[in-house]
Structures are given as C-alpha cells and as structure tokens.
Amino acid sequence: SRYWNTVNSRLAWTLYETGRYRDAARYAKQAMRLGTRDPLLHFHAGMIAFRLGYRAEATQHLSVALTINPNFSFLHRDAAVRTLDLARKVEG
C-alpha cells in the first residue's frame, strides 16, 4: 500500500542519513516493489543506489523523480540534479 511504501522509504532515508547504506537499500527496494509515482520515493532510492555505486539504478530513479515533478522538493531537487549528472558521467 502507499502507506507502507512511504514508511519504508522514510526508514530507508533515515538509514541513509546515518551511513547505513546497505540497510537503507533493503528498505528502499521494499518501498519501490509495488511501483510508485511519488518522486520523493524515487529520489530516496536513487540517492541510496548512487551511494552504493549502482549508477544505472541511480540514474533511473533520479530521472523518474525529476520527470514526474522537476520541482518535487525544495530541499532535495538540487542534490537530485547534481547526483544524476554525476551518475551519467560515470556511466558514460
């Protein structure tokens, strides 16, 4: 359900912010498993994937977040754009 997607994503983001990236990835995958059009959930998943070195996955999630809503978050939009640019440079 949307509720559990959000709970898992927020838990993933909290783990990310405390440096527990692998644990964060597990919860991000749970948040994404049913599919979502929530750009913040895609942002969380993309940033976690980038931190773990999964550039293609990071590119996909960050692209989706910015496509759904280019101004999805006042706090996180710039980080999404910068990280997406870095992920694409490393991929290419």
N, C-alpha and C. Protein backbone atom coordinates (compact mmCIF):
# COMPACT_ATOMS: atom_id res chain seq x y z
N SER A 1 0.83 -1.19 0.00
CA SER A 1 0.00 0.00 0.00
C SER A 1 0.88 1.25 0.00
N ARG A 2 0.29 2.35 -0.36
CA ARG A 2 1.02 3.62 -0.40
C ARG A 2 1.60 3.95 0.98
N TYR A 3 0.84 3.67 2.03
CA TYR A 3 1.31 3.95 3.39
C TYR A 3 2.63 3.24 3.66
N TRP A 4 2.69 1.93 3.38
CA TRP A 4 3.91 1.16 3.67
C TRP A 4 5.05 1.53 2.74
N ASN A 5 4.73 1.94 1.51
CA ASN A 5 5.79 2.45 0.62
C ASN A 5 6.46 3.66 1.27
N THR A 6 5.63 4.56 1.80
CA THR A 6 6.15 5.78 2.42
C THR A 6 6.94 5.46 3.69
N VAL A 7 6.42 4.57 4.51
CA VAL A 7 7.12 4.18 5.74
C VAL A 7 8.47 3.58 5.41
N ASN A 8 8.50 2.65 4.46
CA ASN A 8 9.77 2.02 4.08
C ASN A 8 10.74 3.04 3.49
N SER A 9 10.24 3.96 2.70
CA SER A 9 11.11 4.98 2.11
C SER A 9 11.69 5.90 3.18
N ARG A 10 10.89 6.29 4.12
CA ARG A 10 11.39 7.18 5.19
C ARG A 10 12.41 6.45 6.07
N LEU A 11 12.15 5.19 6.34
CA LEU A 11 13.12 4.41 7.10
C LEU A 11 14.42 4.27 6.30
N ALA A 12 14.29 4.02 5.00
CA ALA A 12 15.48 3.94 4.14
C ALA A 12 16.26 5.24 4.18
N TRP A 13 15.57 6.37 4.12
CA TRP A 13 16.25 7.65 4.12
C TRP A 13 16.94 7.93 5.45
N THR A 14 16.31 7.54 6.54
CA THR A 14 16.93 7.71 7.86
C THR A 14 18.20 6.88 7.95
N LEU A 15 18.15 5.64 7.46
CA LEU A 15 19.34 4.79 7.46
C LEU A 15 20.43 5.37 6.56
N TYR A 16 20.04 5.90 5.42
CA TYR A 16 20.98 6.56 4.51
C TYR A 16 21.69 7.72 5.22
N GLU A 17 20.93 8.54 5.89
CA GLU A 17 21.49 9.71 6.56
C GLU A 17 22.42 9.34 7.72
N THR A 18 22.31 8.13 8.23
CA THR A 18 23.18 7.69 9.31
C THR A 18 24.32 6.79 8.78
N GLY A 19 24.43 6.71 7.45
CA GLY A 19 25.54 5.96 6.85
C GLY A 19 25.31 4.47 6.72
N ARG A 20 24.12 4.00 6.95
CA ARG A 20 23.82 2.56 6.85
C ARG A 20 23.21 2.26 5.47
N TYR A 21 24.04 2.38 4.44
CA TYR A 21 23.57 2.37 3.06
C TYR A 21 22.99 1.03 2.63
N ARG A 22 23.62 -0.05 3.02
CA ARG A 22 23.10 -1.37 2.62
C ARG A 22 21.74 -1.65 3.27
N ASP A 23 21.61 -1.29 4.54
CA ASP A 23 20.30 -1.44 5.20
C ASP A 23 19.28 -0.53 4.52
N ALA A 24 19.71 0.68 4.17
CA ALA A 24 18.82 1.63 3.51
C ALA A 24 18.32 1.06 2.18
N ALA A 25 19.21 0.40 1.44
CA ALA A 25 18.84 -0.17 0.15
C ALA A 25 17.75 -1.22 0.29
N ARG A 26 17.83 -2.01 1.32
CA ARG A 26 16.81 -3.05 1.53
C ARG A 26 15.42 -2.42 1.70
N TYR A 27 15.34 -1.35 2.49
CA TYR A 27 14.04 -0.70 2.71
C TYR A 27 13.60 0.10 1.48
N ALA A 28 14.54 0.65 0.76
CA ALA A 28 14.20 1.37 -0.47
C ALA A 28 13.59 0.40 -1.49
N LYS A 29 14.15 -0.79 -1.59
CA LYS A 29 13.59 -1.79 -2.50
C LYS A 29 12.17 -2.17 -2.10
N GLN A 30 11.95 -2.29 -0.79
CA GLN A 30 10.59 -2.58 -0.31
C GLN A 30 9.63 -1.44 -0.68
N ALA A 31 10.11 -0.22 -0.55
CA ALA A 31 9.27 0.95 -0.87
C ALA A 31 8.90 0.98 -2.35
N MET A 32 9.79 0.48 -3.20
CA MET A 32 9.58 0.55 -4.64
C MET A 32 8.90 -0.69 -5.22
N ARG A 33 8.78 -1.74 -4.47
CA ARG A 33 8.37 -3.03 -5.05
C ARG A 33 6.98 -3.04 -5.65
N LEU A 34 6.08 -2.23 -5.14
CA LEU A 34 4.72 -2.20 -5.69
C LEU A 34 4.57 -1.14 -6.78
N GLY A 35 5.64 -0.41 -7.03
CA GLY A 35 5.58 0.67 -8.00
C GLY A 35 5.03 1.93 -7.35
N THR A 36 5.52 3.06 -7.79
CA THR A 36 5.05 4.32 -7.24
C THR A 36 5.31 5.44 -8.23
N ARG A 37 4.52 6.46 -8.14
CA ARG A 37 4.73 7.68 -8.92
C ARG A 37 5.14 8.83 -8.00
N ASP A 38 5.58 8.51 -6.80
CA ASP A 38 5.99 9.51 -5.84
C ASP A 38 7.45 9.88 -6.10
N PRO A 39 7.72 11.11 -6.52
CA PRO A 39 9.10 11.46 -6.85
C PRO A 39 10.05 11.41 -5.66
N LEU A 40 9.56 11.68 -4.46
CA LEU A 40 10.43 11.63 -3.29
C LEU A 40 10.92 10.20 -3.03
N LEU A 41 10.06 9.20 -3.24
CA LEU A 41 10.48 7.82 -3.07
C LEU A 41 11.54 7.45 -4.10
N HIS A 42 11.37 7.92 -5.33
CA HIS A 42 12.38 7.66 -6.36
C HIS A 42 13.68 8.39 -6.03
N PHE A 43 13.58 9.59 -5.50
CA PHE A 43 14.78 10.31 -5.09
C PHE A 43 15.54 9.53 -4.02
N HIS A 44 14.83 9.08 -2.99
CA HIS A 44 15.49 8.30 -1.94
C HIS A 44 16.18 7.08 -2.53
N ALA A 45 15.46 6.32 -3.35
CA ALA A 45 16.03 5.10 -3.94
C ALA A 45 17.24 5.44 -4.81
N GLY A 46 17.16 6.53 -5.56
CA GLY A 46 18.27 6.92 -6.43
C GLY A 46 19.51 7.33 -5.68
N MET A 47 19.33 8.09 -4.62
CA MET A 47 20.48 8.54 -3.84
C MET A 47 21.15 7.37 -3.13
N ILE A 48 20.36 6.45 -2.64
CA ILE A 48 20.91 5.26 -1.97
C ILE A 48 21.67 4.42 -2.99
N ALA A 49 21.07 4.20 -4.15
CA ALA A 49 21.74 3.42 -5.20
C ALA A 49 23.06 4.08 -5.60
N PHE A 50 23.07 5.38 -5.74
CA PHE A 50 24.30 6.09 -6.10
C PHE A 50 25.38 5.88 -5.05
N ARG A 51 25.02 6.00 -3.80
CA ARG A 51 25.99 5.84 -2.70
C ARG A 51 26.60 4.45 -2.71
N LEU A 52 25.82 3.45 -3.14
CA LEU A 52 26.32 2.07 -3.19
C LEU A 52 27.04 1.75 -4.49
N GLY A 53 27.10 2.72 -5.40
CA GLY A 53 27.81 2.51 -6.66
C GLY A 53 26.97 1.94 -7.78
N TYR A 54 25.66 1.86 -7.60
CA TYR A 54 24.75 1.34 -8.63
C TYR A 54 24.30 2.51 -9.50
N ARG A 55 25.18 2.93 -10.40
CA ARG A 55 24.95 4.15 -11.18
C ARG A 55 23.73 4.06 -12.10
N ALA A 56 23.54 2.93 -12.77
CA ALA A 56 22.39 2.79 -13.68
C ALA A 56 21.08 2.88 -12.90
N GLU A 57 21.01 2.22 -11.76
CA GLU A 57 19.81 2.27 -10.93
C GLU A 57 19.59 3.69 -10.40
N ALA A 58 20.66 4.35 -9.99
CA ALA A 58 20.56 5.73 -9.51
C ALA A 58 20.03 6.63 -10.62
N THR A 59 20.58 6.47 -11.82
CA THR A 59 20.14 7.28 -12.96
C THR A 59 18.66 7.08 -13.23
N GLN A 60 18.24 5.83 -13.20
CA GLN A 60 16.82 5.54 -13.47
C GLN A 60 15.92 6.23 -12.45
N HIS A 61 16.19 6.02 -11.16
CA HIS A 61 15.30 6.58 -10.13
C HIS A 61 15.33 8.10 -10.09
N LEU A 62 16.51 8.68 -10.22
CA LEU A 62 16.59 10.14 -10.19
C LEU A 62 15.94 10.75 -11.42
N SER A 63 16.09 10.12 -12.56
CA SER A 63 15.42 10.59 -13.77
C SER A 63 13.90 10.55 -13.62
N VAL A 64 13.41 9.47 -13.06
CA VAL A 64 11.97 9.34 -12.86
C VAL A 64 11.48 10.42 -11.90
N ALA A 65 12.19 10.63 -10.80
CA ALA A 65 11.79 11.65 -9.83
C ALA A 65 11.66 13.01 -10.50
N LEU A 66 12.66 13.37 -11.30
CA LEU A 66 12.67 14.69 -11.93
C LEU A 66 11.70 14.78 -13.11
N THR A 67 11.38 13.66 -13.72
CA THR A 67 10.39 13.65 -14.79
C THR A 67 8.98 13.81 -14.23
N ILE A 68 8.69 13.11 -13.15
CA ILE A 68 7.38 13.22 -12.53
C ILE A 68 7.11 14.65 -12.10
N ASN A 69 8.10 15.24 -11.45
CA ASN A 69 7.95 16.62 -10.98
C ASN A 69 9.35 17.25 -10.84
N PRO A 70 9.73 18.07 -11.79
CA PRO A 70 11.07 18.68 -11.75
C PRO A 70 11.33 19.51 -10.49
N ASN A 71 10.30 19.93 -9.82
CA ASN A 71 10.43 20.71 -8.58
C ASN A 71 9.84 19.94 -7.40
N PHE A 72 10.10 18.64 -7.34
CA PHE A 72 9.47 17.77 -6.35
C PHE A 72 9.81 18.14 -4.91
N SER A 73 10.96 18.77 -4.69
CA SER A 73 11.36 19.08 -3.32
C SER A 73 12.29 20.28 -3.31
N PHE A 74 11.93 21.27 -2.56
CA PHE A 74 12.78 22.45 -2.38
C PHE A 74 14.12 22.04 -1.76
N LEU A 75 14.07 21.09 -0.84
CA LEU A 75 15.28 20.65 -0.14
C LEU A 75 16.18 19.74 -0.97
N HIS A 76 15.60 18.91 -1.81
CA HIS A 76 16.36 17.83 -2.45
C HIS A 76 16.54 17.96 -3.96
N ARG A 77 15.87 18.90 -4.59
CA ARG A 77 15.93 18.99 -6.05
C ARG A 77 17.36 19.18 -6.56
N ASP A 78 18.09 20.11 -5.99
CA ASP A 78 19.45 20.36 -6.46
C ASP A 78 20.35 19.15 -6.29
N ALA A 79 20.21 18.45 -5.18
CA ALA A 79 21.01 17.23 -4.96
C ALA A 79 20.65 16.17 -6.00
N ALA A 80 19.37 16.07 -6.33
CA ALA A 80 18.94 15.10 -7.35
C ALA A 80 19.58 15.42 -8.70
N VAL A 81 19.56 16.68 -9.08
CA VAL A 81 20.14 17.09 -10.37
C VAL A 81 21.64 16.85 -10.39
N ARG A 82 22.34 17.27 -9.34
CA ARG A 82 23.80 17.07 -9.28
C ARG A 82 24.18 15.59 -9.31
N THR A 83 23.48 14.79 -8.53
CA THR A 83 23.79 13.36 -8.45
C THR A 83 23.47 12.67 -9.76
N LEU A 84 22.37 13.04 -10.39
CA LEU A 84 22.03 12.48 -11.69
C LEU A 84 23.12 12.81 -12.71
N ASP A 85 23.60 14.02 -12.72
CA ASP A 85 24.70 14.40 -13.62
C ASP A 85 25.95 13.56 -13.36
N LEU A 86 26.30 13.38 -12.08
CA LEU A 86 27.47 12.55 -11.74
C LEU A 86 27.27 11.10 -12.16
N ALA A 87 26.09 10.56 -11.91
CA ALA A 87 25.82 9.16 -12.27
C ALA A 87 25.93 8.97 -13.78
N ARG A 88 25.44 9.92 -14.53
CA ARG A 88 25.52 9.81 -16.00
C ARG A 88 26.96 9.91 -16.49
N LYS A 89 27.76 10.74 -15.86
CA LYS A 89 29.17 10.88 -16.25
C LYS A 89 29.94 9.60 -15.99
N VAL A 90 29.67 8.97 -14.86
CA VAL A 90 30.36 7.74 -14.51
C VAL A 90 29.92 6.60 -15.42
N GLU A 91 28.61 6.58 -15.76
CA GLU A 91 28.09 5.54 -16.65
C GLU A 91 28.70 5.64 -18.05
N GLY A 92 28.74 6.88 -18.58
CA GLY A 92 29.14 7.11 -19.97
C GLY A 92 30.60 7.05 -20.10
